[in-house]
Amino acid sequence: MLDREDPPEFGAIVHEAALRMRVGGRKVAREQLQHLAEATERPNVTVQVIPFAIDRFIDITQTVLYAGGVVPQLDTVHIDTPIRGLCLDAAADVHRYRLQLDVARQASLEPAESRGFIHHIARDM
């Protein structure tokens, strides 16, 4: 999907803790990190890392997918919970998550810095 002729924009904010987990072992984790770093070289893919070193708490404790487009009234938020996925489309809910993601983005490293950080973690695996 991200490789097609007219790919959608994709942005992710990932905490350093998630990058340092060795799911599948060192080799698999290293390969996944390298793949992630390579994906950020595409013009339509942005990944930003929230490092352990930030001085504030980011109040997002579960996986959040924010699907937005040219018509903001159609934006939706999907949240993964231990029980099920939850889809939110009420304007107030979507706005709240947009604000939370803005705070997370501000606390994150810039995209180029994040790419280097991901490479660094991969080398340490």
N, C-alpha and C. Protein backbone atom coordinates (compact mmCIF):
# COMPACT_ATOMS: atom_id res chain seq x y z
N MET A 1 0.82 -1.19 0.00
CA MET A 1 0.00 0.00 0.00
C MET A 1 0.87 1.26 0.00
N LEU A 2 1.91 1.27 0.81
CA LEU A 2 2.76 2.45 0.89
C LEU A 2 3.71 2.57 -0.29
N ASP A 3 3.80 1.52 -1.11
CA ASP A 3 4.68 1.51 -2.28
C ASP A 3 3.95 1.79 -3.59
N ARG A 4 2.64 1.90 -3.55
CA ARG A 4 1.90 2.06 -4.80
C ARG A 4 2.19 3.43 -5.43
N GLU A 5 1.69 3.63 -6.64
CA GLU A 5 2.00 4.83 -7.41
C GLU A 5 1.64 6.13 -6.68
N ASP A 6 0.46 6.18 -6.08
CA ASP A 6 0.03 7.37 -5.35
C ASP A 6 -0.26 6.97 -3.91
N PRO A 7 0.81 6.74 -3.13
CA PRO A 7 0.61 6.18 -1.79
C PRO A 7 0.03 7.20 -0.80
N PRO A 8 -0.68 6.72 0.20
CA PRO A 8 -1.18 7.62 1.24
C PRO A 8 -0.04 8.07 2.15
N GLU A 9 -0.27 9.17 2.84
CA GLU A 9 0.67 9.62 3.86
C GLU A 9 0.51 8.71 5.07
N PHE A 10 1.63 8.34 5.68
CA PHE A 10 1.59 7.50 6.87
C PHE A 10 2.54 8.11 7.89
N GLY A 11 2.04 8.33 9.08
CA GLY A 11 2.87 8.85 10.16
C GLY A 11 2.71 7.99 11.40
N ALA A 12 3.80 7.77 12.11
CA ALA A 12 3.76 6.97 13.33
C ALA A 12 4.59 7.66 14.40
N ILE A 13 4.10 7.56 15.62
CA ILE A 13 4.84 8.02 16.79
C ILE A 13 5.05 6.78 17.64
N VAL A 14 6.31 6.45 17.90
CA VAL A 14 6.65 5.20 18.58
C VAL A 14 7.52 5.53 19.79
N HIS A 15 7.21 4.93 20.92
CA HIS A 15 8.04 5.13 22.11
C HIS A 15 9.29 4.26 22.02
N GLU A 16 10.38 4.78 22.54
CA GLU A 16 11.64 4.04 22.56
C GLU A 16 11.48 2.66 23.18
N ALA A 17 10.62 2.54 24.18
CA ALA A 17 10.41 1.23 24.84
C ALA A 17 9.97 0.18 23.83
N ALA A 18 9.07 0.56 22.92
CA ALA A 18 8.59 -0.39 21.91
C ALA A 18 9.71 -0.81 20.97
N LEU A 19 10.62 0.11 20.67
CA LEU A 19 11.72 -0.20 19.76
C LEU A 19 12.75 -1.12 20.39
N ARG A 20 12.85 -1.08 21.70
CA ARG A 20 13.87 -1.88 22.39
C ARG A 20 13.39 -3.28 22.77
N MET A 21 12.12 -3.57 22.55
CA MET A 21 11.61 -4.92 22.85
C MET A 21 12.14 -5.90 21.81
N ARG A 22 12.59 -7.04 22.29
CA ARG A 22 13.20 -8.03 21.39
C ARG A 22 12.21 -9.14 21.08
N VAL A 23 11.09 -8.78 20.51
CA VAL A 23 10.08 -9.77 20.13
C VAL A 23 10.66 -10.62 19.00
N GLY A 24 10.72 -11.93 19.24
CA GLY A 24 11.29 -12.82 18.23
C GLY A 24 12.79 -12.98 18.33
N GLY A 25 13.42 -12.34 19.30
CA GLY A 25 14.86 -12.44 19.47
C GLY A 25 15.61 -11.28 18.83
N ARG A 26 16.91 -11.23 19.10
CA ARG A 26 17.75 -10.12 18.62
C ARG A 26 17.73 -9.95 17.11
N LYS A 27 17.92 -11.06 16.41
CA LYS A 27 18.03 -11.00 14.94
C LYS A 27 16.74 -10.46 14.33
N VAL A 28 15.61 -10.98 14.76
CA VAL A 28 14.32 -10.54 14.24
C VAL A 28 14.08 -9.07 14.59
N ALA A 29 14.36 -8.70 15.83
CA ALA A 29 14.17 -7.31 16.26
C ALA A 29 15.05 -6.37 15.44
N ARG A 30 16.30 -6.74 15.21
CA ARG A 30 17.22 -5.92 14.42
C ARG A 30 16.69 -5.75 12.99
N GLU A 31 16.23 -6.85 12.39
CA GLU A 31 15.69 -6.77 11.03
C GLU A 31 14.45 -5.88 10.96
N GLN A 32 13.60 -5.98 11.97
CA GLN A 32 12.40 -5.14 12.00
C GLN A 32 12.77 -3.66 12.12
N LEU A 33 13.74 -3.37 12.96
CA LEU A 33 14.18 -1.98 13.12
C LEU A 33 14.81 -1.45 11.84
N GLN A 34 15.61 -2.27 11.18
CA GLN A 34 16.22 -1.85 9.92
C GLN A 34 15.14 -1.60 8.86
N HIS A 35 14.14 -2.46 8.82
CA HIS A 35 13.03 -2.28 7.88
C HIS A 35 12.28 -0.98 8.18
N LEU A 36 12.04 -0.72 9.45
CA LEU A 36 11.35 0.51 9.85
C LEU A 36 12.16 1.74 9.43
N ALA A 37 13.46 1.71 9.69
CA ALA A 37 14.32 2.84 9.31
C ALA A 37 14.32 3.05 7.80
N GLU A 38 14.37 1.97 7.05
CA GLU A 38 14.34 2.07 5.58
C GLU A 38 13.00 2.63 5.10
N ALA A 39 11.92 2.25 5.76
CA ALA A 39 10.60 2.75 5.37
C ALA A 39 10.51 4.26 5.51
N THR A 40 11.24 4.83 6.48
CA THR A 40 11.18 6.28 6.71
C THR A 40 11.88 7.06 5.60
N GLU A 41 12.58 6.38 4.72
CA GLU A 41 13.22 7.06 3.60
C GLU A 41 12.22 7.38 2.49
N ARG A 42 11.04 6.78 2.55
CA ARG A 42 9.98 7.10 1.58
C ARG A 42 9.43 8.48 1.91
N PRO A 43 9.11 9.26 0.89
CA PRO A 43 8.61 10.62 1.15
C PRO A 43 7.24 10.65 1.83
N ASN A 44 6.49 9.57 1.75
CA ASN A 44 5.15 9.54 2.34
C ASN A 44 5.10 8.90 3.73
N VAL A 45 6.26 8.51 4.26
CA VAL A 45 6.32 7.83 5.56
C VAL A 45 7.11 8.68 6.55
N THR A 46 6.49 8.96 7.68
CA THR A 46 7.15 9.71 8.76
C THR A 46 7.04 8.90 10.04
N VAL A 47 8.18 8.66 10.68
CA VAL A 47 8.20 7.98 11.98
C VAL A 47 8.95 8.88 12.94
N GLN A 48 8.35 9.12 14.09
CA GLN A 48 9.00 9.90 15.13
C GLN A 48 9.05 9.08 16.41
N VAL A 49 10.18 9.17 17.09
CA VAL A 49 10.42 8.39 18.30
C VAL A 49 10.32 9.28 19.53
N ILE A 50 9.59 8.80 20.53
CA ILE A 50 9.57 9.45 21.84
C ILE A 50 10.66 8.77 22.66
N PRO A 51 11.75 9.49 22.96
CA PRO A 51 12.85 8.87 23.71
C PRO A 51 12.56 8.81 25.21
N PHE A 52 13.25 7.87 25.87
CA PHE A 52 13.15 7.79 27.33
C PHE A 52 13.55 9.11 27.97
N ALA A 53 14.43 9.86 27.33
CA ALA A 53 15.02 11.05 27.92
C ALA A 53 14.08 12.26 28.01
N ILE A 54 12.86 12.17 27.49
CA ILE A 54 11.98 13.34 27.57
C ILE A 54 11.63 13.61 29.03
N ASP A 55 11.32 14.86 29.31
CA ASP A 55 11.06 15.28 30.69
C ASP A 55 9.58 15.29 31.07
N ARG A 56 8.72 14.78 30.19
CA ARG A 56 7.30 14.81 30.54
C ARG A 56 6.63 13.50 30.18
N PHE A 57 5.52 13.26 30.83
CA PHE A 57 4.76 12.03 30.61
C PHE A 57 3.82 12.23 29.42
N ILE A 58 3.81 11.27 28.53
CA ILE A 58 2.89 11.30 27.39
C ILE A 58 1.72 10.39 27.73
N ASP A 59 0.54 10.97 27.78
CA ASP A 59 -0.65 10.27 28.26
C ASP A 59 -1.35 9.46 27.17
N ILE A 60 -0.59 8.61 26.50
CA ILE A 60 -1.18 7.67 25.56
C ILE A 60 -0.67 6.30 25.99
N THR A 61 -1.58 5.48 26.47
CA THR A 61 -1.17 4.20 27.06
C THR A 61 -1.58 2.99 26.24
N GLN A 62 -2.15 3.21 25.07
CA GLN A 62 -2.53 2.10 24.21
C GLN A 62 -2.26 2.49 22.76
N THR A 63 -2.36 1.51 21.87
CA THR A 63 -2.17 1.78 20.46
C THR A 63 -3.34 2.61 19.94
N VAL A 64 -3.01 3.70 19.25
CA VAL A 64 -4.02 4.59 18.70
C VAL A 64 -3.76 4.74 17.20
N LEU A 65 -4.78 4.51 16.40
CA LEU A 65 -4.70 4.76 14.97
C LEU A 65 -5.61 5.94 14.67
N TYR A 66 -5.02 7.02 14.20
CA TYR A 66 -5.80 8.20 13.83
C TYR A 66 -5.87 8.23 12.31
N ALA A 67 -7.05 8.07 11.77
CA ALA A 67 -7.24 8.09 10.32
C ALA A 67 -7.90 9.42 9.96
N GLY A 68 -7.12 10.26 9.29
CA GLY A 68 -7.62 11.57 8.92
C GLY A 68 -7.46 11.82 7.44
N GLY A 69 -8.19 12.78 6.95
CA GLY A 69 -8.12 13.10 5.54
C GLY A 69 -8.48 14.53 5.27
N VAL A 70 -8.85 14.81 4.04
CA VAL A 70 -9.15 16.18 3.64
C VAL A 70 -10.46 16.70 4.23
N VAL A 71 -11.32 15.81 4.67
CA VAL A 71 -12.59 16.21 5.30
C VAL A 71 -12.49 15.84 6.78
N PRO A 72 -12.11 16.79 7.65
CA PRO A 72 -11.89 16.47 9.06
C PRO A 72 -13.10 15.84 9.76
N GLN A 73 -14.29 16.13 9.29
CA GLN A 73 -15.49 15.56 9.91
C GLN A 73 -15.56 14.05 9.74
N LEU A 74 -14.77 13.50 8.83
CA LEU A 74 -14.75 12.06 8.60
C LEU A 74 -13.61 11.36 9.34
N ASP A 75 -12.78 12.13 10.04
CA ASP A 75 -11.66 11.53 10.79
C ASP A 75 -12.19 10.55 11.83
N THR A 76 -11.44 9.49 12.05
CA THR A 76 -11.80 8.49 13.06
C THR A 76 -10.57 8.10 13.84
N VAL A 77 -10.81 7.56 15.02
CA VAL A 77 -9.75 7.07 15.89
C VAL A 77 -10.07 5.62 16.22
N HIS A 78 -9.07 4.76 16.09
CA HIS A 78 -9.24 3.35 16.47
C HIS A 78 -8.27 3.09 17.61
N ILE A 79 -8.79 2.53 18.70
CA ILE A 79 -7.99 2.25 19.89
C ILE A 79 -8.00 0.75 20.13
N ASP A 80 -6.83 0.18 20.34
CA ASP A 80 -6.73 -1.23 20.72
C ASP A 80 -6.79 -1.33 22.23
N THR A 81 -7.68 -2.18 22.73
CA THR A 81 -7.76 -2.46 24.16
C THR A 81 -7.49 -3.95 24.35
N PRO A 82 -7.24 -4.38 25.58
CA PRO A 82 -7.02 -5.81 25.80
C PRO A 82 -8.23 -6.67 25.43
N ILE A 83 -9.41 -6.07 25.40
CA ILE A 83 -10.64 -6.82 25.13
C ILE A 83 -11.04 -6.76 23.67
N ARG A 84 -10.96 -5.57 23.07
CA ARG A 84 -11.38 -5.40 21.68
C ARG A 84 -10.89 -4.06 21.14
N GLY A 85 -11.06 -3.87 19.85
CA GLY A 85 -10.79 -2.58 19.25
C GLY A 85 -11.99 -1.67 19.41
N LEU A 86 -11.73 -0.40 19.53
CA LEU A 86 -12.79 0.58 19.73
C LEU A 86 -12.63 1.67 18.68
N CYS A 87 -13.68 1.96 17.95
CA CYS A 87 -13.65 2.99 16.91
C CYS A 87 -14.43 4.20 17.38
N LEU A 88 -13.79 5.37 17.34
CA LEU A 88 -14.43 6.61 17.78
C LEU A 88 -14.55 7.56 16.60
N ASP A 89 -15.73 8.15 16.43
CA ASP A 89 -15.88 9.13 15.37
C ASP A 89 -16.61 10.40 15.83
N ALA A 90 -16.97 10.45 17.10
CA ALA A 90 -17.59 11.66 17.65
C ALA A 90 -16.56 12.78 17.64
N ALA A 91 -16.96 13.96 17.23
CA ALA A 91 -16.04 15.07 17.07
C ALA A 91 -15.23 15.35 18.33
N ALA A 92 -15.86 15.31 19.50
CA ALA A 92 -15.15 15.59 20.75
C ALA A 92 -14.08 14.54 21.03
N ASP A 93 -14.39 13.28 20.78
CA ASP A 93 -13.41 12.20 21.00
C ASP A 93 -12.23 12.33 20.04
N VAL A 94 -12.54 12.56 18.78
CA VAL A 94 -11.49 12.69 17.76
C VAL A 94 -10.59 13.88 18.09
N HIS A 95 -11.20 14.98 18.50
CA HIS A 95 -10.44 16.18 18.86
C HIS A 95 -9.50 15.90 20.04
N ARG A 96 -10.00 15.20 21.04
CA ARG A 96 -9.18 14.87 22.22
C ARG A 96 -7.94 14.07 21.81
N TYR A 97 -8.13 13.07 20.96
CA TYR A 97 -7.00 12.25 20.53
C TYR A 97 -6.06 13.03 19.61
N ARG A 98 -6.61 13.92 18.80
CA ARG A 98 -5.75 14.74 17.96
C ARG A 98 -4.83 15.60 18.83
N LEU A 99 -5.37 16.16 19.91
CA LEU A 99 -4.57 16.96 20.83
C LEU A 99 -3.50 16.11 21.51
N GLN A 100 -3.88 14.90 21.95
CA GLN A 100 -2.90 14.00 22.58
C GLN A 100 -1.78 13.64 21.61
N LEU A 101 -2.13 13.36 20.38
CA LEU A 101 -1.11 13.02 19.39
C LEU A 101 -0.22 14.21 19.07
N ASP A 102 -0.79 15.42 19.09
CA ASP A 102 0.03 16.62 18.89
C ASP A 102 1.06 16.77 20.01
N VAL A 103 0.65 16.51 21.25
CA VAL A 103 1.58 16.57 22.38
C VAL A 103 2.67 15.51 22.21
N ALA A 104 2.29 14.31 21.83
CA ALA A 104 3.26 13.23 21.62
C ALA A 104 4.23 13.60 20.51
N ARG A 105 3.73 14.18 19.43
CA ARG A 105 4.59 14.58 18.31
C ARG A 105 5.59 15.65 18.75
N GLN A 106 5.13 16.60 19.57
CA GLN A 106 6.02 17.66 20.05
C GLN A 106 7.11 17.11 20.96
N ALA A 107 6.82 16.03 21.67
CA ALA A 107 7.80 15.41 22.57
C ALA A 107 8.75 14.47 21.83
N SER A 108 8.46 14.20 20.57
CA SER A 108 9.23 13.24 19.79
C SER A 108 10.43 13.89 19.12
N LEU A 109 11.37 13.04 18.76
CA LEU A 109 12.49 13.49 17.95
C LEU A 109 11.98 13.84 16.55
N GLU A 110 12.69 14.71 15.86
CA GLU A 110 12.34 15.02 14.48
C GLU A 110 12.51 13.77 13.62
N PRO A 111 11.84 13.69 12.47
CA PRO A 111 11.92 12.47 11.64
C PRO A 111 13.34 12.01 11.29
N ALA A 112 14.20 12.91 10.86
CA ALA A 112 15.57 12.50 10.50
C ALA A 112 16.33 12.01 11.73
N GLU A 113 16.14 12.70 12.84
CA GLU A 113 16.78 12.30 14.10
C GLU A 113 16.23 10.95 14.56
N SER A 114 14.94 10.74 14.37
CA SER A 114 14.32 9.46 14.73
C SER A 114 14.89 8.33 13.90
N ARG A 115 15.10 8.56 12.59
CA ARG A 115 15.68 7.53 11.73
C ARG A 115 17.06 7.12 12.25
N GLY A 116 17.88 8.10 12.59
CA GLY A 116 19.20 7.80 13.14
C GLY A 116 19.12 7.06 14.46
N PHE A 117 18.16 7.44 15.27
CA PHE A 117 17.96 6.80 16.57
C PHE A 117 17.57 5.34 16.39
N ILE A 118 16.69 5.06 15.42
CA ILE A 118 16.27 3.69 15.13
C ILE A 118 17.47 2.87 14.66
N HIS A 119 18.29 3.45 13.78
CA HIS A 119 19.51 2.75 13.33
C HIS A 119 20.43 2.44 14.52
N HIS A 120 20.55 3.39 15.43
CA HIS A 120 21.40 3.20 16.62
C HIS A 120 20.90 2.04 17.47
N ILE A 121 19.60 1.99 17.70
CA ILE A 121 19.03 0.89 18.50
C ILE A 121 19.24 -0.44 17.78
N ALA A 122 19.06 -0.45 16.47
CA ALA A 122 19.26 -1.69 15.68
C ALA A 122 20.69 -2.19 15.82
N ARG A 123 21.65 -1.28 15.78
CA ARG A 123 23.07 -1.68 15.93
C ARG A 123 23.34 -2.25 17.32
N ASP A 124 22.62 -1.76 18.32
CA ASP A 124 22.80 -2.24 19.70
C ASP A 124 22.16 -3.60 19.96
N MET A 125 21.31 -4.06 19.04
CA MET A 125 20.60 -5.34 19.24
C MET A 125 21.58 -6.50 19.16
